Amino acid sequence: MGAAQGVKAAACRIFDDAVAAAAEKGPQGEKTYAFLVVSHAHFLMQSYKDIDAARAAFAAALQKAPGSITLWEGAIHLEESVDAPVRTCVALNFLCEVSMLLFYVICCISGSRSMFWPIQSVSVQ
């Protein structure tokens, strides 16, 4: 076990112990429980990019407290942050396509297709 994995395991034990202690308090510890689970998942993602462990933390917590809005918001935010690069790429691709289409329309309206098509076609007679 590497030093980084040893630190991760020790930190996870601390989070697990704190989450368990909050869960034992029942309804009085509900907010603390949710806060600790969200913090644990955030730690796993930020420090280790461990999406599977973060998802597992939310899944286990939501089984114990399915009505916790804080846990649901944390789980949703996790999925949004994981999927963000894909959504950004799709949005940028769409904007590029729209921009090119708009540029083409402007060139057609102005009668200057040569601006859009830099390579002139050669007519063969």
N, C-alpha and C. Protein backbone atom coordinates (compact mmCIF):
# COMPACT_ATOMS: atom_id res chain seq x y z
N MET A 1 0.85 -1.17 0.00
CA MET A 1 0.00 0.00 0.00
C MET A 1 0.90 1.24 0.00
N GLY A 2 0.68 2.13 -0.99
CA GLY A 2 1.47 3.35 -1.08
C GLY A 2 1.07 4.34 0.00
N ALA A 3 1.91 5.36 0.17
CA ALA A 3 1.64 6.38 1.18
C ALA A 3 0.33 7.10 0.90
N ALA A 4 0.06 7.39 -0.37
CA ALA A 4 -1.17 8.10 -0.71
C ALA A 4 -2.39 7.25 -0.36
N GLN A 5 -2.32 5.95 -0.65
CA GLN A 5 -3.44 5.06 -0.32
C GLN A 5 -3.61 4.92 1.19
N GLY A 6 -2.50 4.95 1.92
CA GLY A 6 -2.58 4.89 3.37
C GLY A 6 -3.25 6.11 3.95
N VAL A 7 -2.94 7.29 3.38
CA VAL A 7 -3.57 8.53 3.82
C VAL A 7 -5.05 8.50 3.47
N LYS A 8 -5.38 8.03 2.27
CA LYS A 8 -6.77 7.95 1.85
C LYS A 8 -7.55 7.02 2.78
N ALA A 9 -6.99 5.86 3.08
CA ALA A 9 -7.66 4.90 3.95
C ALA A 9 -7.88 5.48 5.35
N ALA A 10 -6.87 6.18 5.88
CA ALA A 10 -6.99 6.78 7.21
C ALA A 10 -8.06 7.88 7.21
N ALA A 11 -8.06 8.70 6.17
CA ALA A 11 -9.07 9.77 6.08
C ALA A 11 -10.47 9.18 5.94
N CYS A 12 -10.59 8.13 5.15
CA CYS A 12 -11.91 7.49 4.97
C CYS A 12 -12.40 6.88 6.27
N ARG A 13 -11.49 6.32 7.07
CA ARG A 13 -11.89 5.77 8.38
C ARG A 13 -12.43 6.88 9.28
N ILE A 14 -11.79 8.03 9.25
CA ILE A 14 -12.25 9.17 10.07
C ILE A 14 -13.64 9.60 9.61
N PHE A 15 -13.81 9.74 8.30
CA PHE A 15 -15.14 10.09 7.78
C PHE A 15 -16.17 9.03 8.14
N ASP A 16 -15.82 7.76 7.95
CA ASP A 16 -16.76 6.68 8.26
C ASP A 16 -17.18 6.69 9.72
N ASP A 17 -16.22 6.89 10.62
CA ASP A 17 -16.53 6.95 12.05
C ASP A 17 -17.44 8.12 12.37
N ALA A 18 -17.16 9.27 11.77
CA ALA A 18 -17.98 10.46 12.02
C ALA A 18 -19.39 10.28 11.47
N VAL A 19 -19.50 9.70 10.27
CA VAL A 19 -20.81 9.45 9.66
C VAL A 19 -21.61 8.48 10.52
N ALA A 20 -20.96 7.42 10.99
CA ALA A 20 -21.63 6.43 11.84
C ALA A 20 -22.11 7.07 13.15
N ALA A 21 -21.28 7.92 13.75
CA ALA A 21 -21.68 8.60 14.99
C ALA A 21 -22.88 9.51 14.76
N ALA A 22 -22.91 10.21 13.63
CA ALA A 22 -24.04 11.09 13.32
C ALA A 22 -25.30 10.26 13.05
N ALA A 23 -25.14 9.12 12.40
CA ALA A 23 -26.29 8.26 12.10
C ALA A 23 -26.90 7.70 13.38
N GLU A 24 -26.07 7.42 14.38
CA GLU A 24 -26.56 6.87 15.65
C GLU A 24 -27.44 7.87 16.41
N LYS A 25 -27.27 9.16 16.14
CA LYS A 25 -28.05 10.18 16.83
C LYS A 25 -29.48 10.27 16.32
N GLY A 26 -29.77 9.58 15.23
CA GLY A 26 -31.12 9.57 14.69
C GLY A 26 -31.50 10.92 14.11
N PRO A 27 -32.76 11.33 14.30
CA PRO A 27 -33.23 12.59 13.71
C PRO A 27 -32.43 13.82 14.16
N GLN A 28 -31.89 13.78 15.36
CA GLN A 28 -31.10 14.93 15.84
C GLN A 28 -29.80 15.08 15.06
N GLY A 29 -29.29 14.01 14.51
CA GLY A 29 -28.03 14.06 13.78
C GLY A 29 -28.20 14.06 12.27
N GLU A 30 -29.43 14.25 11.81
CA GLU A 30 -29.70 14.15 10.36
C GLU A 30 -28.92 15.17 9.54
N LYS A 31 -28.91 16.42 9.96
CA LYS A 31 -28.18 17.45 9.20
C LYS A 31 -26.68 17.20 9.23
N THR A 32 -26.19 16.80 10.38
CA THR A 32 -24.76 16.50 10.51
C THR A 32 -24.39 15.31 9.64
N TYR A 33 -25.25 14.28 9.65
CA TYR A 33 -25.04 13.09 8.85
C TYR A 33 -24.92 13.45 7.36
N ALA A 34 -25.89 14.23 6.88
CA ALA A 34 -25.88 14.61 5.47
C ALA A 34 -24.64 15.45 5.14
N PHE A 35 -24.30 16.39 6.02
CA PHE A 35 -23.12 17.23 5.80
C PHE A 35 -21.85 16.39 5.70
N LEU A 36 -21.71 15.41 6.59
CA LEU A 36 -20.52 14.58 6.60
C LEU A 36 -20.43 13.69 5.35
N VAL A 37 -21.56 13.17 4.91
CA VAL A 37 -21.56 12.33 3.70
C VAL A 37 -21.17 13.17 2.48
N VAL A 38 -21.76 14.35 2.37
CA VAL A 38 -21.44 15.24 1.24
C VAL A 38 -19.96 15.62 1.30
N SER A 39 -19.46 15.91 2.49
CA SER A 39 -18.05 16.26 2.64
C SER A 39 -17.14 15.10 2.27
N HIS A 40 -17.53 13.91 2.68
CA HIS A 40 -16.74 12.72 2.36
C HIS A 40 -16.69 12.50 0.84
N ALA A 41 -17.84 12.58 0.18
CA ALA A 41 -17.88 12.39 -1.27
C ALA A 41 -17.06 13.47 -1.98
N HIS A 42 -17.18 14.70 -1.50
CA HIS A 42 -16.41 15.80 -2.08
C HIS A 42 -14.91 15.55 -1.92
N PHE A 43 -14.51 15.10 -0.74
CA PHE A 43 -13.11 14.76 -0.48
C PHE A 43 -12.62 13.68 -1.45
N LEU A 44 -13.42 12.65 -1.64
CA LEU A 44 -13.03 11.56 -2.54
C LEU A 44 -12.85 12.04 -3.98
N MET A 45 -13.73 12.93 -4.40
CA MET A 45 -13.63 13.45 -5.77
C MET A 45 -12.48 14.44 -5.93
N GLN A 46 -12.36 15.38 -5.01
CA GLN A 46 -11.35 16.42 -5.14
C GLN A 46 -9.93 15.88 -4.93
N SER A 47 -9.78 15.01 -3.97
CA SER A 47 -8.44 14.53 -3.63
C SER A 47 -7.99 13.33 -4.45
N TYR A 48 -8.93 12.46 -4.82
CA TYR A 48 -8.55 11.20 -5.46
C TYR A 48 -9.26 10.91 -6.78
N LYS A 49 -10.17 11.78 -7.18
CA LYS A 49 -10.96 11.56 -8.41
C LYS A 49 -11.62 10.18 -8.40
N ASP A 50 -12.07 9.77 -7.21
CA ASP A 50 -12.66 8.45 -7.04
C ASP A 50 -14.19 8.54 -7.12
N ILE A 51 -14.70 8.57 -8.34
CA ILE A 51 -16.13 8.72 -8.57
C ILE A 51 -16.91 7.54 -8.02
N ASP A 52 -16.36 6.33 -8.14
CA ASP A 52 -17.08 5.15 -7.67
C ASP A 52 -17.27 5.18 -6.16
N ALA A 53 -16.24 5.56 -5.43
CA ALA A 53 -16.36 5.64 -3.96
C ALA A 53 -17.31 6.75 -3.56
N ALA A 54 -17.28 7.88 -4.26
CA ALA A 54 -18.19 8.99 -3.96
C ALA A 54 -19.63 8.58 -4.21
N ARG A 55 -19.86 7.89 -5.33
CA ARG A 55 -21.22 7.40 -5.61
C ARG A 55 -21.67 6.39 -4.58
N ALA A 56 -20.77 5.52 -4.16
CA ALA A 56 -21.11 4.51 -3.15
C ALA A 56 -21.47 5.18 -1.82
N ALA A 57 -20.76 6.25 -1.47
CA ALA A 57 -21.07 6.97 -0.23
C ALA A 57 -22.48 7.54 -0.29
N PHE A 58 -22.83 8.15 -1.42
CA PHE A 58 -24.19 8.69 -1.56
C PHE A 58 -25.23 7.59 -1.59
N ALA A 59 -24.95 6.50 -2.29
CA ALA A 59 -25.92 5.40 -2.38
C ALA A 59 -26.22 4.83 -1.00
N ALA A 60 -25.19 4.59 -0.21
CA ALA A 60 -25.39 4.04 1.14
C ALA A 60 -26.15 5.04 2.02
N ALA A 61 -25.78 6.31 1.92
CA ALA A 61 -26.43 7.33 2.75
C ALA A 61 -27.90 7.50 2.36
N LEU A 62 -28.19 7.46 1.07
CA LEU A 62 -29.57 7.64 0.62
C LEU A 62 -30.45 6.44 0.97
N GLN A 63 -29.85 5.27 1.17
CA GLN A 63 -30.62 4.13 1.65
C GLN A 63 -31.05 4.34 3.09
N LYS A 64 -30.16 4.98 3.87
CA LYS A 64 -30.47 5.23 5.28
C LYS A 64 -31.36 6.46 5.47
N ALA A 65 -31.21 7.45 4.60
CA ALA A 65 -31.97 8.69 4.73
C ALA A 65 -32.50 9.13 3.37
N PRO A 66 -33.48 8.38 2.83
CA PRO A 66 -33.96 8.68 1.48
C PRO A 66 -34.69 10.02 1.36
N GLY A 67 -35.08 10.60 2.46
CA GLY A 67 -35.78 11.88 2.41
C GLY A 67 -34.89 13.09 2.58
N SER A 68 -33.59 12.89 2.64
CA SER A 68 -32.66 13.99 2.86
C SER A 68 -32.42 14.79 1.57
N ILE A 69 -32.92 16.01 1.56
CA ILE A 69 -32.73 16.87 0.40
C ILE A 69 -31.25 17.17 0.20
N THR A 70 -30.53 17.36 1.29
CA THR A 70 -29.10 17.66 1.21
C THR A 70 -28.35 16.53 0.51
N LEU A 71 -28.68 15.30 0.84
CA LEU A 71 -28.01 14.16 0.19
C LEU A 71 -28.36 14.07 -1.29
N TRP A 72 -29.63 14.29 -1.61
CA TRP A 72 -30.04 14.26 -3.02
C TRP A 72 -29.34 15.36 -3.81
N GLU A 73 -29.30 16.56 -3.23
CA GLU A 73 -28.61 17.67 -3.92
C GLU A 73 -27.13 17.36 -4.11
N GLY A 74 -26.50 16.77 -3.09
CA GLY A 74 -25.09 16.40 -3.20
C GLY A 74 -24.85 15.37 -4.28
N ALA A 75 -25.73 14.36 -4.35
CA ALA A 75 -25.59 13.31 -5.36
C ALA A 75 -25.79 13.88 -6.77
N ILE A 76 -26.76 14.77 -6.90
CA ILE A 76 -27.02 15.40 -8.20
C ILE A 76 -25.83 16.27 -8.60
N HIS A 77 -25.32 17.04 -7.66
CA HIS A 77 -24.17 17.90 -7.95
C HIS A 77 -22.96 17.06 -8.36
N LEU A 78 -22.78 15.92 -7.70
CA LEU A 78 -21.67 15.02 -8.07
C LEU A 78 -21.80 14.60 -9.53
N GLU A 79 -22.99 14.17 -9.92
CA GLU A 79 -23.18 13.71 -11.30
C GLU A 79 -23.04 14.86 -12.29
N GLU A 80 -23.49 16.04 -11.90
CA GLU A 80 -23.32 17.20 -12.78
C GLU A 80 -21.85 17.53 -12.98
N SER A 81 -21.08 17.44 -11.92
CA SER A 81 -19.66 17.80 -12.02
C SER A 81 -18.88 16.76 -12.81
N VAL A 82 -19.29 15.51 -12.73
CA VAL A 82 -18.61 14.45 -13.48
C VAL A 82 -18.91 14.59 -14.96
N ASP A 83 -20.14 14.95 -15.29
CA ASP A 83 -20.58 15.02 -16.67
C ASP A 83 -20.27 16.37 -17.31
N ALA A 84 -19.78 17.33 -16.54
CA ALA A 84 -19.58 18.69 -17.04
C ALA A 84 -18.71 18.77 -18.29
N PRO A 85 -17.57 18.09 -18.36
CA PRO A 85 -16.75 18.20 -19.58
C PRO A 85 -17.48 17.72 -20.83
N VAL A 86 -18.31 16.69 -20.70
CA VAL A 86 -19.04 16.18 -21.86
C VAL A 86 -20.07 17.21 -22.30
N ARG A 87 -20.83 17.77 -21.35
CA ARG A 87 -21.83 18.77 -21.69
C ARG A 87 -21.18 20.00 -22.30
N THR A 88 -20.05 20.42 -21.77
CA THR A 88 -19.35 21.59 -22.29
C THR A 88 -18.90 21.35 -23.72
N CYS A 89 -18.37 20.17 -23.98
CA CYS A 89 -17.92 19.83 -25.32
C CYS A 89 -19.09 19.84 -26.30
N VAL A 90 -20.22 19.27 -25.92
CA VAL A 90 -21.39 19.24 -26.78
C VAL A 90 -21.88 20.66 -27.04
N ALA A 91 -21.92 21.49 -26.01
CA ALA A 91 -22.37 22.87 -26.16
C ALA A 91 -21.45 23.66 -27.09
N LEU A 92 -20.15 23.50 -26.93
CA LEU A 92 -19.20 24.20 -27.79
C LEU A 92 -19.32 23.74 -29.23
N ASN A 93 -19.49 22.45 -29.43
CA ASN A 93 -19.65 21.90 -30.76
C ASN A 93 -20.90 22.48 -31.42
N PHE A 94 -21.99 22.54 -30.68
CA PHE A 94 -23.24 23.11 -31.19
C PHE A 94 -23.05 24.58 -31.56
N LEU A 95 -22.39 25.35 -30.68
CA LEU A 95 -22.16 26.76 -30.96
C LEU A 95 -21.30 26.95 -32.21
N CYS A 96 -20.30 26.10 -32.40
CA CYS A 96 -19.47 26.19 -33.60
C CYS A 96 -20.30 25.92 -34.85
N GLU A 97 -21.16 24.91 -34.80
CA GLU A 97 -22.00 24.60 -35.95
C GLU A 97 -22.96 25.75 -36.26
N VAL A 98 -23.57 26.31 -35.23
CA VAL A 98 -24.49 27.44 -35.42
C VAL A 98 -23.74 28.63 -35.98
N SER A 99 -22.54 28.90 -35.46
CA SER A 99 -21.74 30.03 -35.93
C SER A 99 -21.39 29.86 -37.40
N MET A 100 -20.99 28.67 -37.80
CA MET A 100 -20.64 28.42 -39.20
C MET A 100 -21.86 28.57 -40.08
N LEU A 101 -23.00 28.09 -39.64
CA LEU A 101 -24.22 28.21 -40.43
C LEU A 101 -24.60 29.69 -40.58
N LEU A 102 -24.52 30.44 -39.50
CA LEU A 102 -24.83 31.86 -39.54
C LEU A 102 -23.87 32.59 -40.47
N PHE A 103 -22.60 32.27 -40.41
CA PHE A 103 -21.61 32.89 -41.28
C PHE A 103 -21.92 32.58 -42.74
N TYR A 104 -22.30 31.34 -43.02
CA TYR A 104 -22.65 30.94 -44.39
C TYR A 104 -23.85 31.74 -44.89
N VAL A 105 -24.87 31.87 -44.06
CA VAL A 105 -26.07 32.62 -44.44
C VAL A 105 -25.70 34.08 -44.74
N ILE A 106 -24.88 34.67 -43.89
CA ILE A 106 -24.45 36.06 -44.10
C ILE A 106 -23.69 36.18 -45.42
N CYS A 107 -22.82 35.23 -45.70
CA CYS A 107 -22.07 35.26 -46.96
C CYS A 107 -23.00 35.12 -48.16
N CYS A 108 -24.00 34.26 -48.04
CA CYS A 108 -24.95 34.08 -49.15
C CYS A 108 -25.78 35.34 -49.37
N ILE A 109 -26.21 35.96 -48.29
CA ILE A 109 -27.01 37.18 -48.40
C ILE A 109 -26.18 38.30 -49.02
N SER A 110 -24.94 38.39 -48.61
CA SER A 110 -24.08 39.46 -49.13
C SER A 110 -23.58 39.15 -50.54
N GLY A 111 -23.81 37.94 -51.02
CA GLY A 111 -23.37 37.56 -52.35
C GLY A 111 -21.90 37.22 -52.42
N SER A 112 -21.25 37.04 -51.29
CA SER A 112 -19.82 36.77 -51.28
C SER A 112 -19.55 35.38 -50.74
N ARG A 113 -19.85 34.39 -51.55
CA ARG A 113 -19.58 33.02 -51.11
C ARG A 113 -18.09 32.73 -51.05
N SER A 114 -17.29 33.55 -51.71
CA SER A 114 -15.85 33.31 -51.70
C SER A 114 -15.27 33.49 -50.31
N MET A 115 -15.97 34.28 -49.47
CA MET A 115 -15.50 34.42 -48.08
C MET A 115 -15.66 33.09 -47.34
N PHE A 116 -16.73 32.37 -47.65
CA PHE A 116 -16.99 31.13 -46.95
C PHE A 116 -16.22 29.97 -47.55
N TRP A 117 -16.10 29.96 -48.86
CA TRP A 117 -15.40 28.87 -49.55
C TRP A 117 -14.09 29.41 -50.10
N PRO A 118 -13.02 29.34 -49.32
CA PRO A 118 -11.75 29.93 -49.75
C PRO A 118 -11.15 29.24 -50.98
N ILE A 119 -11.48 28.00 -51.19
CA ILE A 119 -10.94 27.30 -52.35
C ILE A 119 -11.99 27.41 -53.46
N GLN A 120 -11.62 28.11 -54.51
CA GLN A 120 -12.54 28.30 -55.63
C GLN A 120 -12.57 27.04 -56.49
N SER A 121 -13.74 26.70 -56.91
CA SER A 121 -13.83 25.54 -57.79
C SER A 121 -13.40 25.95 -59.20
N VAL A 122 -12.81 25.03 -59.86
CA VAL A 122 -12.32 25.28 -61.21
C VAL A 122 -13.30 24.65 -62.19
N SER A 123 -13.76 25.44 -63.10
CA SER A 123 -14.70 24.88 -64.09
C SER A 123 -13.90 24.30 -65.26
N VAL A 124 -14.31 23.16 -65.69
CA VAL A 124 -13.66 22.48 -66.81
C VAL A 124 -14.56 22.62 -68.02
N GLN A 125 -13.99 23.11 -69.11
CA GLN A 125 -14.80 23.27 -70.33
C GLN A 125 -14.40 22.32 -71.40
